Amino acid sequence: MIRAAILTLSDKGSRGEREDKSGEVIRTMLAGINATIITYEVIPDEKDLIIKKLFEFAEKADLIVTTGGTGVGHRDVTPEATRAVIEKELPGFAEAMRIEGLKHTPRAMGSRAVAGIYRQTLILNLPGSPKGVAENLAVVLPVIPHTIGLIQGRVSDCAKDREKHEQQH
């Protein structure tokens, strides 16, 4: 079981002026990898608050998925907050998500989403739109359990794990 946290970054959402549909997409999709949502919050786009929540959530979660704040707007600070927390960046995740996004819209090249590791927690930034969340998360979802297993030392033989995965598909 993967213990997951969802952190939605939205000024309007934090004030109750917008429903968090992206967080619901994440919740539904994570169920497909048997993840249990242990915490969920909607907070404003404030870098220091995002950093605080990432550290707080990492104390109890194997996976933190953020939604929102990855664009080029002046209030979009999620990547900077995430980089302030992570110890190792995983550029392949962000690259794969941008490549997938480009299949649907040229606007995906404006995404500044980051993925990385803090201690034994995988942190992923997703866009703020439900459609963008679904497209981006779908491309990385299959590798999340394996990546968390590696981070936490539960996977020691990648070749055997890959063979098992290929036999299942």
N, C-alpha and C. Protein backbone atom coordinates (compact mmCIF):
# COMPACT_ATOMS: atom_id res chain seq x y z
N MET A 1 0.82 -1.19 0.00
CA MET A 1 0.00 0.00 0.00
C MET A 1 0.88 1.26 0.00
N ILE A 2 0.47 2.22 -0.79
CA ILE A 2 1.17 3.50 -0.86
C ILE A 2 0.35 4.53 -0.10
N ARG A 3 0.99 5.19 0.84
CA ARG A 3 0.34 6.27 1.59
C ARG A 3 0.57 7.56 0.81
N ALA A 4 -0.52 8.16 0.33
CA ALA A 4 -0.41 9.32 -0.55
C ALA A 4 -1.05 10.56 0.07
N ALA A 5 -0.48 11.71 -0.30
CA ALA A 5 -1.02 13.01 0.10
C ALA A 5 -1.27 13.82 -1.16
N ILE A 6 -2.35 14.57 -1.15
CA ILE A 6 -2.68 15.46 -2.26
C ILE A 6 -2.66 16.89 -1.73
N LEU A 7 -1.92 17.74 -2.43
CA LEU A 7 -1.84 19.15 -2.06
C LEU A 7 -2.23 19.99 -3.27
N THR A 8 -3.38 20.65 -3.16
CA THR A 8 -3.87 21.50 -4.23
C THR A 8 -3.48 22.94 -3.94
N LEU A 9 -2.85 23.58 -4.92
CA LEU A 9 -2.42 24.97 -4.77
C LEU A 9 -3.35 25.84 -5.60
N SER A 10 -4.17 26.61 -4.90
CA SER A 10 -5.15 27.45 -5.58
C SER A 10 -5.62 28.54 -4.64
N ASP A 11 -5.37 29.78 -5.02
CA ASP A 11 -5.86 30.90 -4.22
C ASP A 11 -7.38 30.84 -4.11
N LYS A 12 -8.06 30.69 -5.25
CA LYS A 12 -9.53 30.65 -5.25
C LYS A 12 -10.05 29.42 -4.52
N GLY A 13 -9.42 28.28 -4.75
CA GLY A 13 -9.84 27.06 -4.08
C GLY A 13 -9.70 27.16 -2.57
N SER A 14 -8.63 27.78 -2.10
CA SER A 14 -8.40 27.90 -0.66
C SER A 14 -9.42 28.82 0.00
N ARG A 15 -10.02 29.72 -0.80
CA ARG A 15 -11.05 30.62 -0.28
C ARG A 15 -12.46 30.06 -0.49
N GLY A 16 -12.55 28.85 -1.05
CA GLY A 16 -13.85 28.24 -1.30
C GLY A 16 -14.57 28.79 -2.51
N GLU A 17 -13.84 29.49 -3.39
CA GLU A 17 -14.44 30.08 -4.58
C GLU A 17 -14.38 29.17 -5.80
N ARG A 18 -13.69 28.05 -5.68
CA ARG A 18 -13.54 27.11 -6.80
C ARG A 18 -13.46 25.70 -6.23
N GLU A 19 -14.21 24.78 -6.87
CA GLU A 19 -14.18 23.38 -6.47
C GLU A 19 -12.88 22.75 -6.98
N ASP A 20 -12.29 21.89 -6.17
CA ASP A 20 -11.04 21.24 -6.55
C ASP A 20 -11.30 19.96 -7.34
N LYS A 21 -11.53 20.10 -8.62
CA LYS A 21 -11.77 18.94 -9.48
C LYS A 21 -10.48 18.18 -9.77
N SER A 22 -9.36 18.88 -9.80
CA SER A 22 -8.07 18.22 -10.07
C SER A 22 -7.69 17.26 -8.95
N GLY A 23 -7.92 17.67 -7.72
CA GLY A 23 -7.64 16.79 -6.58
C GLY A 23 -8.45 15.51 -6.65
N GLU A 24 -9.68 15.62 -7.12
CA GLU A 24 -10.54 14.43 -7.27
C GLU A 24 -10.02 13.50 -8.35
N VAL A 25 -9.50 14.06 -9.44
CA VAL A 25 -8.91 13.23 -10.51
C VAL A 25 -7.71 12.47 -9.94
N ILE A 26 -6.88 13.15 -9.18
CA ILE A 26 -5.71 12.49 -8.57
C ILE A 26 -6.17 11.35 -7.66
N ARG A 27 -7.13 11.64 -6.80
CA ARG A 27 -7.64 10.62 -5.86
C ARG A 27 -8.12 9.38 -6.62
N THR A 28 -8.90 9.58 -7.67
CA THR A 28 -9.43 8.47 -8.46
C THR A 28 -8.31 7.68 -9.13
N MET A 29 -7.35 8.39 -9.72
CA MET A 29 -6.28 7.70 -10.45
C MET A 29 -5.34 6.96 -9.51
N LEU A 30 -5.06 7.52 -8.34
CA LEU A 30 -4.17 6.84 -7.39
C LEU A 30 -4.78 5.56 -6.85
N ALA A 31 -6.10 5.48 -6.84
CA ALA A 31 -6.76 4.24 -6.42
C ALA A 31 -6.35 3.08 -7.32
N GLY A 32 -5.99 3.39 -8.57
CA GLY A 32 -5.56 2.37 -9.52
C GLY A 32 -4.23 1.72 -9.18
N ILE A 33 -3.45 2.35 -8.30
CA ILE A 33 -2.20 1.74 -7.84
C ILE A 33 -2.28 1.39 -6.35
N ASN A 34 -3.51 1.26 -5.87
CA ASN A 34 -3.77 0.91 -4.47
C ASN A 34 -3.18 1.90 -3.48
N ALA A 35 -3.21 3.16 -3.84
CA ALA A 35 -2.75 4.19 -2.92
C ALA A 35 -3.90 4.62 -2.02
N THR A 36 -3.59 4.85 -0.77
CA THR A 36 -4.56 5.35 0.19
C THR A 36 -4.25 6.81 0.46
N ILE A 37 -5.23 7.67 0.30
CA ILE A 37 -5.03 9.09 0.56
C ILE A 37 -5.09 9.31 2.07
N ILE A 38 -3.96 9.69 2.63
CA ILE A 38 -3.92 9.89 4.08
C ILE A 38 -4.10 11.35 4.48
N THR A 39 -3.87 12.25 3.55
CA THR A 39 -4.10 13.66 3.83
C THR A 39 -4.32 14.41 2.53
N TYR A 40 -5.11 15.46 2.63
CA TYR A 40 -5.48 16.25 1.47
C TYR A 40 -5.76 17.67 1.95
N GLU A 41 -5.19 18.65 1.25
CA GLU A 41 -5.45 20.04 1.59
C GLU A 41 -5.45 20.91 0.35
N VAL A 42 -6.18 22.00 0.44
CA VAL A 42 -6.18 23.04 -0.59
C VAL A 42 -5.65 24.29 0.09
N ILE A 43 -4.54 24.82 -0.43
CA ILE A 43 -3.92 25.99 0.18
C ILE A 43 -3.63 27.03 -0.90
N PRO A 44 -3.41 28.28 -0.50
CA PRO A 44 -3.08 29.31 -1.49
C PRO A 44 -1.67 29.13 -2.06
N ASP A 45 -1.44 29.80 -3.18
CA ASP A 45 -0.14 29.76 -3.85
C ASP A 45 0.87 30.62 -3.09
N GLU A 46 1.31 30.15 -1.95
CA GLU A 46 2.29 30.86 -1.12
C GLU A 46 3.49 29.93 -0.92
N LYS A 47 4.64 30.34 -1.43
CA LYS A 47 5.82 29.47 -1.43
C LYS A 47 6.15 28.92 -0.04
N ASP A 48 6.21 29.77 0.97
CA ASP A 48 6.58 29.30 2.30
C ASP A 48 5.59 28.30 2.87
N LEU A 49 4.30 28.53 2.60
CA LEU A 49 3.27 27.60 3.07
C LEU A 49 3.37 26.27 2.34
N ILE A 50 3.64 26.31 1.04
CA ILE A 50 3.80 25.07 0.26
C ILE A 50 4.99 24.27 0.81
N ILE A 51 6.09 24.94 1.05
CA ILE A 51 7.27 24.26 1.61
C ILE A 51 6.92 23.61 2.94
N LYS A 52 6.26 24.35 3.81
CA LYS A 52 5.87 23.83 5.12
C LYS A 52 5.01 22.57 4.97
N LYS A 53 4.02 22.61 4.07
CA LYS A 53 3.12 21.46 3.88
C LYS A 53 3.85 20.27 3.28
N LEU A 54 4.77 20.51 2.35
CA LEU A 54 5.54 19.40 1.77
C LEU A 54 6.35 18.69 2.84
N PHE A 55 7.02 19.43 3.70
CA PHE A 55 7.77 18.82 4.80
C PHE A 55 6.83 18.07 5.74
N GLU A 56 5.71 18.68 6.07
CA GLU A 56 4.74 18.07 6.98
C GLU A 56 4.19 16.77 6.40
N PHE A 57 3.77 16.80 5.14
CA PHE A 57 3.20 15.61 4.51
C PHE A 57 4.24 14.51 4.35
N ALA A 58 5.49 14.87 4.10
CA ALA A 58 6.56 13.88 3.89
C ALA A 58 6.83 13.06 5.15
N GLU A 59 6.44 13.57 6.29
CA GLU A 59 6.63 12.82 7.54
C GLU A 59 5.77 11.56 7.58
N LYS A 60 4.67 11.54 6.81
CA LYS A 60 3.75 10.41 6.88
C LYS A 60 3.39 9.78 5.53
N ALA A 61 3.78 10.41 4.44
CA ALA A 61 3.37 9.92 3.11
C ALA A 61 4.55 9.36 2.32
N ASP A 62 4.26 8.35 1.49
CA ASP A 62 5.23 7.79 0.56
C ASP A 62 5.24 8.60 -0.74
N LEU A 63 4.12 9.26 -1.00
CA LEU A 63 3.90 9.99 -2.25
C LEU A 63 3.14 11.27 -1.95
N ILE A 64 3.64 12.38 -2.47
CA ILE A 64 2.91 13.65 -2.41
C ILE A 64 2.69 14.10 -3.84
N VAL A 65 1.43 14.34 -4.17
CA VAL A 65 1.10 14.83 -5.50
C VAL A 65 0.51 16.23 -5.34
N THR A 66 1.13 17.20 -5.99
CA THR A 66 0.59 18.56 -5.97
C THR A 66 -0.12 18.82 -7.29
N THR A 67 -1.08 19.72 -7.24
CA THR A 67 -1.75 20.17 -8.46
C THR A 67 -1.89 21.68 -8.40
N GLY A 68 -1.45 22.32 -9.48
CA GLY A 68 -1.53 23.77 -9.58
C GLY A 68 -0.19 24.44 -9.35
N GLY A 69 -0.09 25.65 -9.86
CA GLY A 69 1.09 26.47 -9.62
C GLY A 69 2.32 26.12 -10.41
N THR A 70 2.16 25.39 -11.53
CA THR A 70 3.34 24.96 -12.31
C THR A 70 3.55 25.78 -13.57
N GLY A 71 2.70 26.76 -13.80
CA GLY A 71 2.80 27.56 -15.02
C GLY A 71 3.77 28.72 -14.89
N VAL A 72 3.53 29.74 -15.68
CA VAL A 72 4.46 30.87 -15.74
C VAL A 72 3.87 32.14 -15.12
N GLY A 73 2.70 32.01 -14.53
CA GLY A 73 2.09 33.16 -13.88
C GLY A 73 2.89 33.61 -12.66
N HIS A 74 2.68 34.83 -12.26
CA HIS A 74 3.47 35.37 -11.17
C HIS A 74 3.18 34.69 -9.83
N ARG A 75 2.00 34.08 -9.65
CA ARG A 75 1.67 33.36 -8.42
C ARG A 75 2.05 31.88 -8.51
N ASP A 76 2.55 31.43 -9.64
CA ASP A 76 2.93 30.02 -9.83
C ASP A 76 4.30 29.77 -9.23
N VAL A 77 4.31 29.20 -8.01
CA VAL A 77 5.58 29.01 -7.28
C VAL A 77 5.78 27.57 -6.81
N THR A 78 4.94 26.66 -7.27
CA THR A 78 5.06 25.27 -6.81
C THR A 78 6.42 24.65 -7.14
N PRO A 79 6.97 24.83 -8.36
CA PRO A 79 8.29 24.22 -8.63
C PRO A 79 9.39 24.77 -7.72
N GLU A 80 9.36 26.07 -7.44
CA GLU A 80 10.38 26.64 -6.56
C GLU A 80 10.25 26.08 -5.14
N ALA A 81 9.01 25.93 -4.66
CA ALA A 81 8.79 25.36 -3.33
C ALA A 81 9.25 23.91 -3.29
N THR A 82 8.94 23.17 -4.33
CA THR A 82 9.32 21.75 -4.39
C THR A 82 10.84 21.61 -4.42
N ARG A 83 11.50 22.42 -5.22
CA ARG A 83 12.97 22.36 -5.28
C ARG A 83 13.61 22.72 -3.94
N ALA A 84 12.95 23.55 -3.16
CA ALA A 84 13.48 23.91 -1.83
C ALA A 84 13.40 22.73 -0.86
N VAL A 85 12.57 21.74 -1.18
CA VAL A 85 12.36 20.59 -0.29
C VAL A 85 13.12 19.35 -0.74
N ILE A 86 13.09 19.04 -2.03
CA ILE A 86 13.63 17.77 -2.50
C ILE A 86 15.16 17.71 -2.37
N GLU A 87 15.64 16.48 -2.19
CA GLU A 87 17.07 16.22 -2.11
C GLU A 87 17.62 15.71 -3.44
N LYS A 88 16.77 15.05 -4.21
CA LYS A 88 17.14 14.55 -5.53
C LYS A 88 16.02 14.88 -6.49
N GLU A 89 16.37 15.45 -7.63
CA GLU A 89 15.36 15.72 -8.66
C GLU A 89 15.27 14.51 -9.58
N LEU A 90 14.07 14.24 -10.07
CA LEU A 90 13.82 13.17 -11.03
C LEU A 90 13.31 13.79 -12.33
N PRO A 91 14.23 14.32 -13.14
CA PRO A 91 13.79 15.04 -14.34
C PRO A 91 13.04 14.18 -15.34
N GLY A 92 13.26 12.87 -15.35
CA GLY A 92 12.57 11.99 -16.29
C GLY A 92 11.06 12.03 -16.11
N PHE A 93 10.59 12.13 -14.86
CA PHE A 93 9.16 12.22 -14.61
C PHE A 93 8.58 13.47 -15.27
N ALA A 94 9.20 14.62 -15.00
CA ALA A 94 8.71 15.89 -15.54
C ALA A 94 8.81 15.91 -17.07
N GLU A 95 9.89 15.36 -17.59
CA GLU A 95 10.05 15.31 -19.05
C GLU A 95 8.96 14.45 -19.69
N ALA A 96 8.69 13.29 -19.09
CA ALA A 96 7.65 12.40 -19.63
C ALA A 96 6.29 13.07 -19.59
N MET A 97 6.02 13.79 -18.50
CA MET A 97 4.73 14.47 -18.39
C MET A 97 4.60 15.58 -19.43
N ARG A 98 5.66 16.34 -19.65
CA ARG A 98 5.60 17.40 -20.66
C ARG A 98 5.44 16.82 -22.06
N ILE A 99 6.15 15.73 -22.35
CA ILE A 99 6.03 15.08 -23.66
C ILE A 99 4.59 14.62 -23.88
N GLU A 100 4.00 14.00 -22.86
CA GLU A 100 2.61 13.56 -22.98
C GLU A 100 1.68 14.76 -23.16
N GLY A 101 1.91 15.80 -22.40
CA GLY A 101 1.09 17.00 -22.51
C GLY A 101 1.15 17.62 -23.89
N LEU A 102 2.32 17.59 -24.51
CA LEU A 102 2.49 18.16 -25.85
C LEU A 102 1.68 17.41 -26.91
N LYS A 103 1.32 16.18 -26.63
CA LYS A 103 0.47 15.42 -27.56
C LYS A 103 -0.94 16.01 -27.60
N HIS A 104 -1.29 16.77 -26.57
CA HIS A 104 -2.64 17.29 -26.43
C HIS A 104 -2.73 18.80 -26.62
N THR A 105 -1.65 19.52 -26.26
CA THR A 105 -1.66 20.98 -26.40
C THR A 105 -0.24 21.52 -26.42
N PRO A 106 0.04 22.49 -27.30
CA PRO A 106 1.38 23.09 -27.31
C PRO A 106 1.65 23.89 -26.03
N ARG A 107 0.62 24.21 -25.28
CA ARG A 107 0.80 24.95 -24.03
C ARG A 107 1.57 24.16 -22.98
N ALA A 108 1.65 22.85 -23.15
CA ALA A 108 2.36 22.00 -22.19
C ALA A 108 3.83 22.37 -22.06
N MET A 109 4.40 22.98 -23.11
CA MET A 109 5.82 23.34 -23.02
C MET A 109 6.05 24.46 -22.01
N GLY A 110 4.98 25.12 -21.55
CA GLY A 110 5.10 26.14 -20.52
C GLY A 110 5.07 25.58 -19.11
N SER A 111 4.89 24.27 -18.98
CA SER A 111 4.86 23.66 -17.66
C SER A 111 6.26 23.65 -17.04
N ARG A 112 6.31 24.01 -15.78
CA ARG A 112 7.59 23.99 -15.05
C ARG A 112 7.57 22.92 -13.96
N ALA A 113 6.69 21.94 -14.10
CA ALA A 113 6.52 20.89 -13.10
C ALA A 113 7.84 20.22 -12.76
N VAL A 114 7.96 19.82 -11.51
CA VAL A 114 9.17 19.19 -10.97
C VAL A 114 8.76 17.88 -10.30
N ALA A 115 9.66 16.92 -10.29
CA ALA A 115 9.47 15.69 -9.53
C ALA A 115 10.77 15.41 -8.80
N GLY A 116 10.67 14.87 -7.61
CA GLY A 116 11.88 14.57 -6.86
C GLY A 116 11.61 13.79 -5.60
N ILE A 117 12.68 13.60 -4.85
CA ILE A 117 12.65 12.78 -3.64
C ILE A 117 13.08 13.62 -2.45
N TYR A 118 12.31 13.52 -1.40
CA TYR A 118 12.72 14.05 -0.09
C TYR A 118 12.69 12.88 0.88
N ARG A 119 13.84 12.53 1.41
CA ARG A 119 13.99 11.35 2.27
C ARG A 119 13.44 10.13 1.57
N GLN A 120 12.31 9.58 2.03
CA GLN A 120 11.74 8.39 1.39
C GLN A 120 10.39 8.68 0.75
N THR A 121 10.20 9.93 0.35
CA THR A 121 8.93 10.36 -0.24
C THR A 121 9.15 10.87 -1.66
N LEU A 122 8.31 10.40 -2.57
CA LEU A 122 8.30 10.87 -3.94
C LEU A 122 7.33 12.06 -4.02
N ILE A 123 7.78 13.16 -4.60
CA ILE A 123 6.96 14.35 -4.75
C ILE A 123 6.81 14.65 -6.24
N LEU A 124 5.54 14.79 -6.68
CA LEU A 124 5.24 15.07 -8.08
C LEU A 124 4.41 16.33 -8.19
N ASN A 125 4.79 17.23 -9.09
CA ASN A 125 3.98 18.41 -9.40
C ASN A 125 3.17 18.13 -10.66
N LEU A 126 1.88 18.40 -10.58
CA LEU A 126 1.00 18.27 -11.74
C LEU A 126 0.38 19.63 -12.04
N PRO A 127 -0.11 19.81 -13.27
CA PRO A 127 -0.78 21.07 -13.60
C PRO A 127 -2.06 21.23 -12.78
N GLY A 128 -2.71 22.37 -12.95
CA GLY A 128 -3.91 22.65 -12.18
C GLY A 128 -5.21 22.21 -12.81
N SER A 129 -5.23 21.95 -14.11
CA SER A 129 -6.48 21.58 -14.76
C SER A 129 -6.74 20.08 -14.63
N PRO A 130 -7.99 19.68 -14.46
CA PRO A 130 -8.30 18.25 -14.37
C PRO A 130 -7.81 17.46 -15.59
N LYS A 131 -7.96 18.02 -16.77
CA LYS A 131 -7.51 17.35 -18.00
C LYS A 131 -5.98 17.18 -17.99
N GLY A 132 -5.27 18.24 -17.63
CA GLY A 132 -3.81 18.17 -17.55
C GLY A 132 -3.35 17.18 -16.49
N VAL A 133 -4.05 17.15 -15.36
CA VAL A 133 -3.72 16.19 -14.30
C VAL A 133 -3.85 14.77 -14.83
N ALA A 134 -4.98 14.48 -15.48
CA ALA A 134 -5.23 13.13 -15.98
C ALA A 134 -4.17 12.71 -17.00
N GLU A 135 -3.85 13.60 -17.93
CA GLU A 135 -2.86 13.28 -18.96
C GLU A 135 -1.47 13.07 -18.36
N ASN A 136 -1.07 13.96 -17.46
CA ASN A 136 0.28 13.89 -16.88
C ASN A 136 0.42 12.71 -15.94
N LEU A 137 -0.56 12.52 -15.07
CA LEU A 137 -0.47 11.43 -14.10
C LEU A 137 -0.52 10.07 -14.78
N ALA A 138 -1.31 9.95 -15.85
CA ALA A 138 -1.42 8.67 -16.54
C ALA A 138 -0.07 8.16 -17.04
N VAL A 139 0.78 9.05 -17.49
CA VAL A 139 2.06 8.62 -18.06
C VAL A 139 3.06 8.16 -16.99
N VAL A 140 2.98 8.70 -15.78
CA VAL A 140 3.93 8.31 -14.73
C VAL A 140 3.35 7.30 -13.74
N LEU A 141 2.04 7.16 -13.72
CA LEU A 141 1.38 6.28 -12.75
C LEU A 141 1.95 4.87 -12.70
N PRO A 142 2.22 4.24 -13.85
CA PRO A 142 2.72 2.86 -13.81
C PRO A 142 4.09 2.70 -13.13
N VAL A 143 4.89 3.75 -13.08
CA VAL A 143 6.22 3.63 -12.47
C VAL A 143 6.29 4.12 -11.04
N ILE A 144 5.21 4.69 -10.54
CA ILE A 144 5.23 5.21 -9.17
C ILE A 144 5.49 4.11 -8.13
N PRO A 145 4.78 2.97 -8.15
CA PRO A 145 5.06 1.95 -7.13
C PRO A 145 6.51 1.46 -7.14
N HIS A 146 7.04 1.24 -8.34
CA HIS A 146 8.43 0.78 -8.45
C HIS A 146 9.39 1.83 -7.91
N THR A 147 9.16 3.08 -8.28
CA THR A 147 10.04 4.17 -7.83
C THR A 147 10.01 4.29 -6.32
N ILE A 148 8.84 4.22 -5.73
CA ILE A 148 8.74 4.31 -4.27
C ILE A 148 9.43 3.10 -3.63
N GLY A 149 9.28 1.93 -4.23
CA GLY A 149 9.97 0.74 -3.73
C GLY A 149 11.48 0.92 -3.73
N LEU A 150 12.01 1.53 -4.79
CA LEU A 150 13.46 1.80 -4.86
C LEU A 150 13.87 2.83 -3.80
N ILE A 151 13.10 3.89 -3.69
CA ILE A 151 13.42 4.95 -2.73
C ILE A 151 13.47 4.37 -1.32
N GLN A 152 12.54 3.48 -1.01
CA GLN A 152 12.43 2.95 0.34
C GLN A 152 13.20 1.65 0.55
N GLY A 153 13.94 1.22 -0.48
CA GLY A 153 14.77 0.04 -0.35
C GLY A 153 14.01 -1.27 -0.38
N ARG A 154 12.78 -1.27 -0.87
CA ARG A 154 11.99 -2.50 -0.93
C ARG A 154 12.18 -3.22 -2.26
N VAL A 155 12.75 -2.55 -3.25
CA VAL A 155 13.05 -3.16 -4.55
C VAL A 155 14.56 -3.18 -4.68
N SER A 156 15.10 -4.37 -4.87
CA SER A 156 16.56 -4.45 -4.95
C SER A 156 17.07 -4.99 -6.27
N ASP A 157 16.19 -5.61 -7.04
CA ASP A 157 16.61 -6.19 -8.31
C ASP A 157 15.70 -5.66 -9.41
N CYS A 158 16.14 -4.57 -10.05
CA CYS A 158 15.32 -3.92 -11.08
C CYS A 158 15.08 -4.83 -12.27
N ALA A 159 16.05 -5.66 -12.63
CA ALA A 159 15.90 -6.55 -13.78
C ALA A 159 14.76 -7.54 -13.55
N LYS A 160 14.72 -8.15 -12.35
CA LYS A 160 13.65 -9.11 -12.06
C LYS A 160 12.30 -8.40 -12.01
N ASP A 161 12.28 -7.20 -11.46
CA ASP A 161 11.03 -6.44 -11.39
C ASP A 161 10.54 -6.10 -12.80
N ARG A 162 11.48 -5.75 -13.69
CA ARG A 162 11.10 -5.42 -15.07
C ARG A 162 10.56 -6.65 -15.79
N GLU A 163 11.22 -7.79 -15.61
CA GLU A 163 10.75 -9.03 -16.22
C GLU A 163 9.34 -9.37 -15.76
N LYS A 164 9.07 -9.21 -14.47
CA LYS A 164 7.76 -9.49 -13.91
C LYS A 164 6.72 -8.55 -14.54
N HIS A 165 7.06 -7.29 -14.66
CA HIS A 165 6.15 -6.30 -15.26
C HIS A 165 5.86 -6.65 -16.72
N GLU A 166 6.89 -7.02 -17.46
CA GLU A 166 6.71 -7.34 -18.88
C GLU A 166 5.88 -8.58 -19.06
N GLN A 167 6.01 -9.57 -18.16
CA GLN A 167 5.20 -10.78 -18.24
C GLN A 167 3.73 -10.49 -17.97
N GLN A 168 3.45 -9.51 -17.12
CA GLN A 168 2.07 -9.14 -16.80
C GLN A 168 1.41 -8.40 -17.95
N HIS A 169 2.21 -7.78 -18.81
CA HIS A 169 1.65 -6.98 -19.90
C HIS A 169 2.01 -7.63 -21.19
